[in-house]
Amino acid sequence: MSTLKRAPRPCGSWFWDLEEFAPPGLEAALTTASRMADTLRKHDLLLPQQLEYRWYVSGSGGINIMTKLALTAPLSDASLPGRVRASQPVGFPDAEVDDLYVIGPGQWLGAAGESHREPRLVELSVSPASVGLSAELAVYHDIWAWFDFSGHPHPDVHRRNAPRLAAAIQDLNELLDVGGDPGEPTIFGAATEQGLATPEPYDDGLGPDVTDSL
C-alpha cells in the first residue's frame, strides 16, 4: 500500500542515449534493464517484480494494448525475450514491443531514519526501438526534494533520500558510460544532473504548493 503522495507527472527524470552502449532490440533492452535494475536495487530503490509494455505496429502507431508480465525469473533470464514475444496480441501479428517498464517497490527513509516500502518508488524504462537503444529513470514523489508537495521544507527526509538518488544516478552513469540528461521540468519539480533542483523560496521560507495538482 502506498504511503506517499504521488504526482501525476515526474518530479524529475533522466534520459540515457545508449546507441553506443548496445545495439537496439529486445534482447539488448532486457539485458540493459537488468543491469540498470541491479544498480537501483543496490541502493534499495527498485525490486523488480513485473514488466509492463505496450505494443505498436510500425507505420501505424500504438494499438492501445498493454501487457503485464510477472517476473517469475530474473530480468537476465535467457527465456525472458521469448516470454515477451509470446505475449504478442494474437490479433496483431506485426505488433512490436514499445518501451519496457520495470515495475516494483523500493525503500524510502522517513525523518527519523525509519524504512518504508513504496510501490513504484522509481520508474525505470528501456526502449528497444530500432532507431537506437535508450533508457529513462523517473521519480514521482517529494522525498527527493527540499520542499514537500505542500511547499514546506522537510530537510530530514531530504537528507536521508536525496543522496541515495544521486548515488544511484552516478552509478548508472558509470555503468552506461554516458551521463543521463535531465528531462523537461514539470510543476512538480526539475531534474539536475544528480537529483532535483531546489526552487527559490518565497519570502515566508516556503516553496511552491502543488497539492491542488496531485
Protein backbone atom coordinates (compact mmCIF):
# COMPACT_ATOMS: atom_id res chain seq x y z
CA MET A 1 0.00 0.00 0.00
CA SER A 2 1.26 3.45 -0.91
CA THR A 3 2.23 5.72 1.97
CA LEU A 4 3.37 8.70 -0.13
CA LYS A 5 1.56 11.19 -2.33
CA ARG A 6 2.43 10.58 -5.96
CA ALA A 7 2.49 13.26 -8.64
CA PRO A 8 0.77 12.54 -11.96
CA ARG A 9 3.86 13.79 -13.81
CA PRO A 10 7.53 13.31 -12.91
CA CYS A 11 9.23 15.38 -10.24
CA GLY A 12 12.42 14.61 -12.15
CA SER A 13 13.63 12.32 -14.92
CA TRP A 14 16.91 11.33 -16.58
CA PHE A 15 17.41 10.04 -20.12
CA TRP A 16 20.30 7.97 -21.46
CA ASP A 17 21.00 7.68 -25.20
CA LEU A 18 22.55 4.22 -25.46
CA GLU A 19 23.29 3.90 -29.18
CA GLU A 20 26.98 3.36 -28.39
CA PHE A 21 26.31 1.16 -25.36
CA ALA A 22 24.38 -1.68 -27.02
CA PRO A 23 22.52 -2.41 -30.25
CA PRO A 24 18.76 -1.90 -30.46
CA GLY A 25 16.35 -4.78 -29.99
CA LEU A 26 14.51 -6.70 -27.31
CA GLU A 27 17.42 -8.80 -26.06
CA ALA A 28 19.71 -5.81 -25.60
CA ALA A 29 16.91 -3.81 -23.96
CA LEU A 30 16.22 -6.55 -21.42
CA THR A 31 19.92 -7.03 -20.69
CA THR A 32 20.32 -3.29 -20.16
CA ALA A 33 17.19 -3.15 -17.99
CA SER A 34 18.57 -5.99 -15.88
CA ARG A 35 21.89 -4.25 -15.30
CA MET A 36 20.25 -0.92 -14.52
CA ALA A 37 17.76 -2.58 -12.16
CA ASP A 38 20.62 -4.33 -10.36
CA THR A 39 22.22 -0.91 -9.81
CA LEU A 40 19.00 0.57 -8.45
CA ARG A 41 18.45 -2.48 -6.25
CA LYS A 42 21.88 -1.95 -4.71
CA HIS A 43 20.53 1.35 -3.40
CA ASP A 44 17.21 -0.28 -2.31
CA LEU A 45 15.35 1.82 -4.87
CA LEU A 46 13.85 -0.94 -7.04
CA LEU A 47 12.97 -4.59 -6.51
CA PRO A 48 11.83 -5.82 -9.96
CA GLN A 49 8.55 -7.73 -9.85
CA GLN A 50 6.87 -7.08 -13.18
CA LEU A 51 7.38 -5.87 -16.72
CA GLU A 52 4.87 -3.57 -18.39
CA TYR A 53 4.95 -2.74 -22.08
CA ARG A 54 2.65 -1.52 -24.81
CA TRP A 55 2.57 -2.70 -28.40
CA TYR A 56 2.71 -0.79 -31.65
CA VAL A 57 2.63 -1.57 -35.36
CA SER A 58 5.35 0.05 -37.44
CA GLY A 59 3.85 2.67 -39.74
CA SER A 60 0.53 2.67 -37.87
CA GLY A 61 1.43 3.51 -34.29
CA GLY A 62 0.16 2.25 -30.95
CA ILE A 63 -2.65 -0.29 -30.69
CA ASN A 64 -3.72 0.59 -27.11
CA ILE A 65 -2.81 -2.78 -25.66
CA MET A 66 -0.61 -3.16 -22.60
CA THR A 67 0.94 -6.40 -21.39
CA LYS A 68 1.88 -7.02 -17.76
CA LEU A 69 4.33 -9.88 -17.29
CA ALA A 70 5.20 -11.16 -13.82
CA LEU A 71 8.93 -11.61 -13.32
CA THR A 72 8.98 -15.19 -12.10
CA ALA A 73 12.61 -15.31 -13.23
CA PRO A 74 15.29 -12.58 -13.15
CA LEU A 75 15.41 -9.94 -15.87
CA SER A 76 18.63 -11.56 -17.02
CA ASP A 77 16.98 -14.95 -17.61
CA ALA A 78 17.61 -16.21 -21.13
CA SER A 79 13.97 -17.25 -21.54
CA LEU A 80 12.56 -13.77 -20.93
CA PRO A 81 12.76 -12.41 -24.52
CA GLY A 82 10.80 -15.45 -25.68
CA ARG A 83 8.17 -14.91 -22.98
CA VAL A 84 7.79 -11.28 -24.00
CA ARG A 85 7.38 -12.19 -27.68
CA ALA A 86 4.92 -14.94 -26.78
CA SER A 87 2.67 -12.33 -25.17
CA GLN A 88 2.11 -10.57 -28.50
CA PRO A 89 -1.61 -9.80 -29.07
CA VAL A 90 -2.96 -12.51 -31.37
CA GLY A 91 -4.91 -10.02 -33.47
CA PHE A 92 -1.77 -8.05 -34.33
CA PRO A 93 0.88 -10.40 -35.78
CA ASP A 94 3.06 -7.45 -36.82
CA ALA A 95 2.99 -5.75 -33.41
CA GLU A 96 6.30 -4.83 -31.79
CA VAL A 97 7.22 -4.11 -28.18
CA ASP A 98 7.36 -0.47 -27.14
CA ASP A 99 9.18 0.82 -24.02
CA LEU A 100 9.79 -1.81 -21.33
CA TYR A 101 8.91 -0.61 -17.81
CA VAL A 102 10.46 -2.42 -14.85
CA ILE A 103 7.90 -2.31 -12.04
CA GLY A 104 8.49 -2.97 -8.37
CA PRO A 105 8.75 -1.39 -4.92
CA GLY A 106 11.63 0.49 -3.32
CA GLN A 107 12.59 1.66 0.13
CA TRP A 108 12.49 5.27 1.31
CA LEU A 109 13.56 6.66 4.66
CA GLY A 110 11.46 8.80 6.99
CA ALA A 111 12.66 11.78 9.01
CA ALA A 112 13.86 9.55 11.86
CA GLY A 113 15.52 7.06 9.53
CA GLU A 114 12.72 4.50 9.53
CA SER A 115 12.42 2.47 6.33
CA HIS A 116 9.20 2.33 4.29
CA ARG A 117 8.34 0.16 1.30
CA GLU A 118 6.72 2.09 -1.55
CA PRO A 119 5.27 0.74 -4.82
CA ARG A 120 6.92 2.24 -7.91
CA LEU A 121 9.27 4.41 -5.88
CA VAL A 122 11.30 4.90 -9.06
CA GLU A 123 10.27 4.11 -12.61
CA LEU A 124 12.80 2.56 -14.98
CA SER A 125 12.13 2.11 -18.68
CA VAL A 126 14.26 0.94 -21.59
CA SER A 127 13.33 1.36 -25.25
CA PRO A 128 14.26 -1.40 -27.72
CA ALA A 129 13.39 0.84 -30.71
CA SER A 130 15.25 0.18 -33.94
CA VAL A 131 16.41 3.82 -34.08
CA GLY A 132 18.62 3.17 -31.06
CA LEU A 133 18.55 1.86 -27.52
CA SER A 134 17.64 4.38 -24.80
CA ALA A 135 16.63 4.36 -21.13
CA GLU A 136 14.88 6.65 -18.68
CA LEU A 137 14.60 6.90 -14.90
CA ALA A 138 11.78 8.95 -13.36
CA VAL A 139 10.67 9.81 -9.82
CA TYR A 140 7.20 10.98 -8.78
CA HIS A 141 7.45 11.66 -5.03
CA ASP A 142 8.57 14.67 -2.97
CA ILE A 143 11.01 12.79 -0.72
CA TRP A 144 13.88 13.63 -3.09
CA ALA A 145 13.19 17.38 -2.88
CA TRP A 146 13.92 20.03 -0.24
CA PHE A 147 10.24 21.04 -0.14
CA ASP A 148 7.32 18.63 0.11
CA PHE A 149 4.36 18.98 -2.24
CA SER A 150 2.69 21.49 0.10
CA GLY A 151 5.78 23.72 -0.05
CA HIS A 152 7.07 23.01 3.45
CA PRO A 153 10.75 22.14 3.91
CA HIS A 154 11.43 18.60 5.12
CA PRO A 155 15.21 18.62 5.49
CA ASP A 156 15.46 15.35 7.44
CA VAL A 157 13.55 13.45 4.76
CA HIS A 158 15.57 15.15 2.03
CA ARG A 159 18.97 14.37 3.53
CA ARG A 160 18.09 10.71 4.02
CA ASN A 161 16.82 10.15 0.47
CA ALA A 162 18.25 12.68 -2.00
CA PRO A 163 21.85 11.40 -1.61
CA ARG A 164 20.65 7.86 -2.34
CA LEU A 165 19.10 9.00 -5.61
CA ALA A 166 22.22 11.00 -6.52
CA ALA A 167 24.43 7.97 -5.83
CA ALA A 168 22.19 5.75 -7.96
CA ILE A 169 22.27 8.19 -10.89
CA GLN A 170 26.06 8.39 -10.63
CA ASP A 171 26.34 4.60 -10.63
CA LEU A 172 24.05 4.38 -13.66
CA ASN A 173 26.20 6.95 -15.48
CA GLU A 174 29.27 4.83 -14.77
CA LEU A 175 27.50 1.61 -15.80
CA LEU A 176 26.28 3.07 -19.09
CA ASP A 177 29.44 5.13 -19.71
CA VAL A 178 27.35 8.21 -20.50
CA GLY A 179 25.73 10.90 -18.37
CA GLY A 180 21.97 10.93 -18.04
CA ASP A 181 20.34 14.06 -19.47
CA PRO A 182 17.85 15.73 -17.11
CA GLY A 183 14.33 15.64 -18.52
CA GLU A 184 11.92 18.51 -19.01
CA PRO A 185 10.77 20.21 -15.76
CA THR A 186 7.16 19.96 -14.61
CA ILE A 187 5.24 21.89 -11.97
CA PHE A 188 6.24 19.10 -9.57
CA GLY A 189 9.98 19.51 -9.96
CA ALA A 190 13.01 19.93 -12.18
CA ALA A 191 15.86 17.47 -12.55
CA THR A 192 19.52 18.34 -12.31
CA GLU A 193 22.36 16.04 -13.27
CA GLN A 194 22.35 14.44 -9.80
CA GLY A 195 18.86 14.98 -8.37
CA LEU A 196 16.14 17.61 -8.07
CA ALA A 197 16.63 21.36 -8.16
CA THR A 198 15.55 23.42 -5.15
CA PRO A 199 13.29 26.31 -6.18
CA GLU A 200 13.86 29.77 -4.75
CA PRO A 201 11.77 30.01 -1.56
CA TYR A 202 9.14 32.68 -1.10
CA ASP A 203 9.54 35.45 1.50
CA ASP A 204 7.96 33.21 4.15
CA GLY A 205 10.53 30.46 3.51
CA LEU A 206 8.05 28.15 1.81
CA GLY A 207 8.23 26.65 -1.63
CA PRO A 208 5.52 26.10 -4.26
CA ASP A 209 2.33 24.39 -3.07
CA VAL A 210 1.30 21.93 -5.81
CA THR A 211 -1.14 19.83 -3.79
CA ASP A 212 -4.10 21.02 -5.91
CA SER A 213 -2.44 19.39 -8.93
CA LEU A 214 -1.83 15.99 -7.35
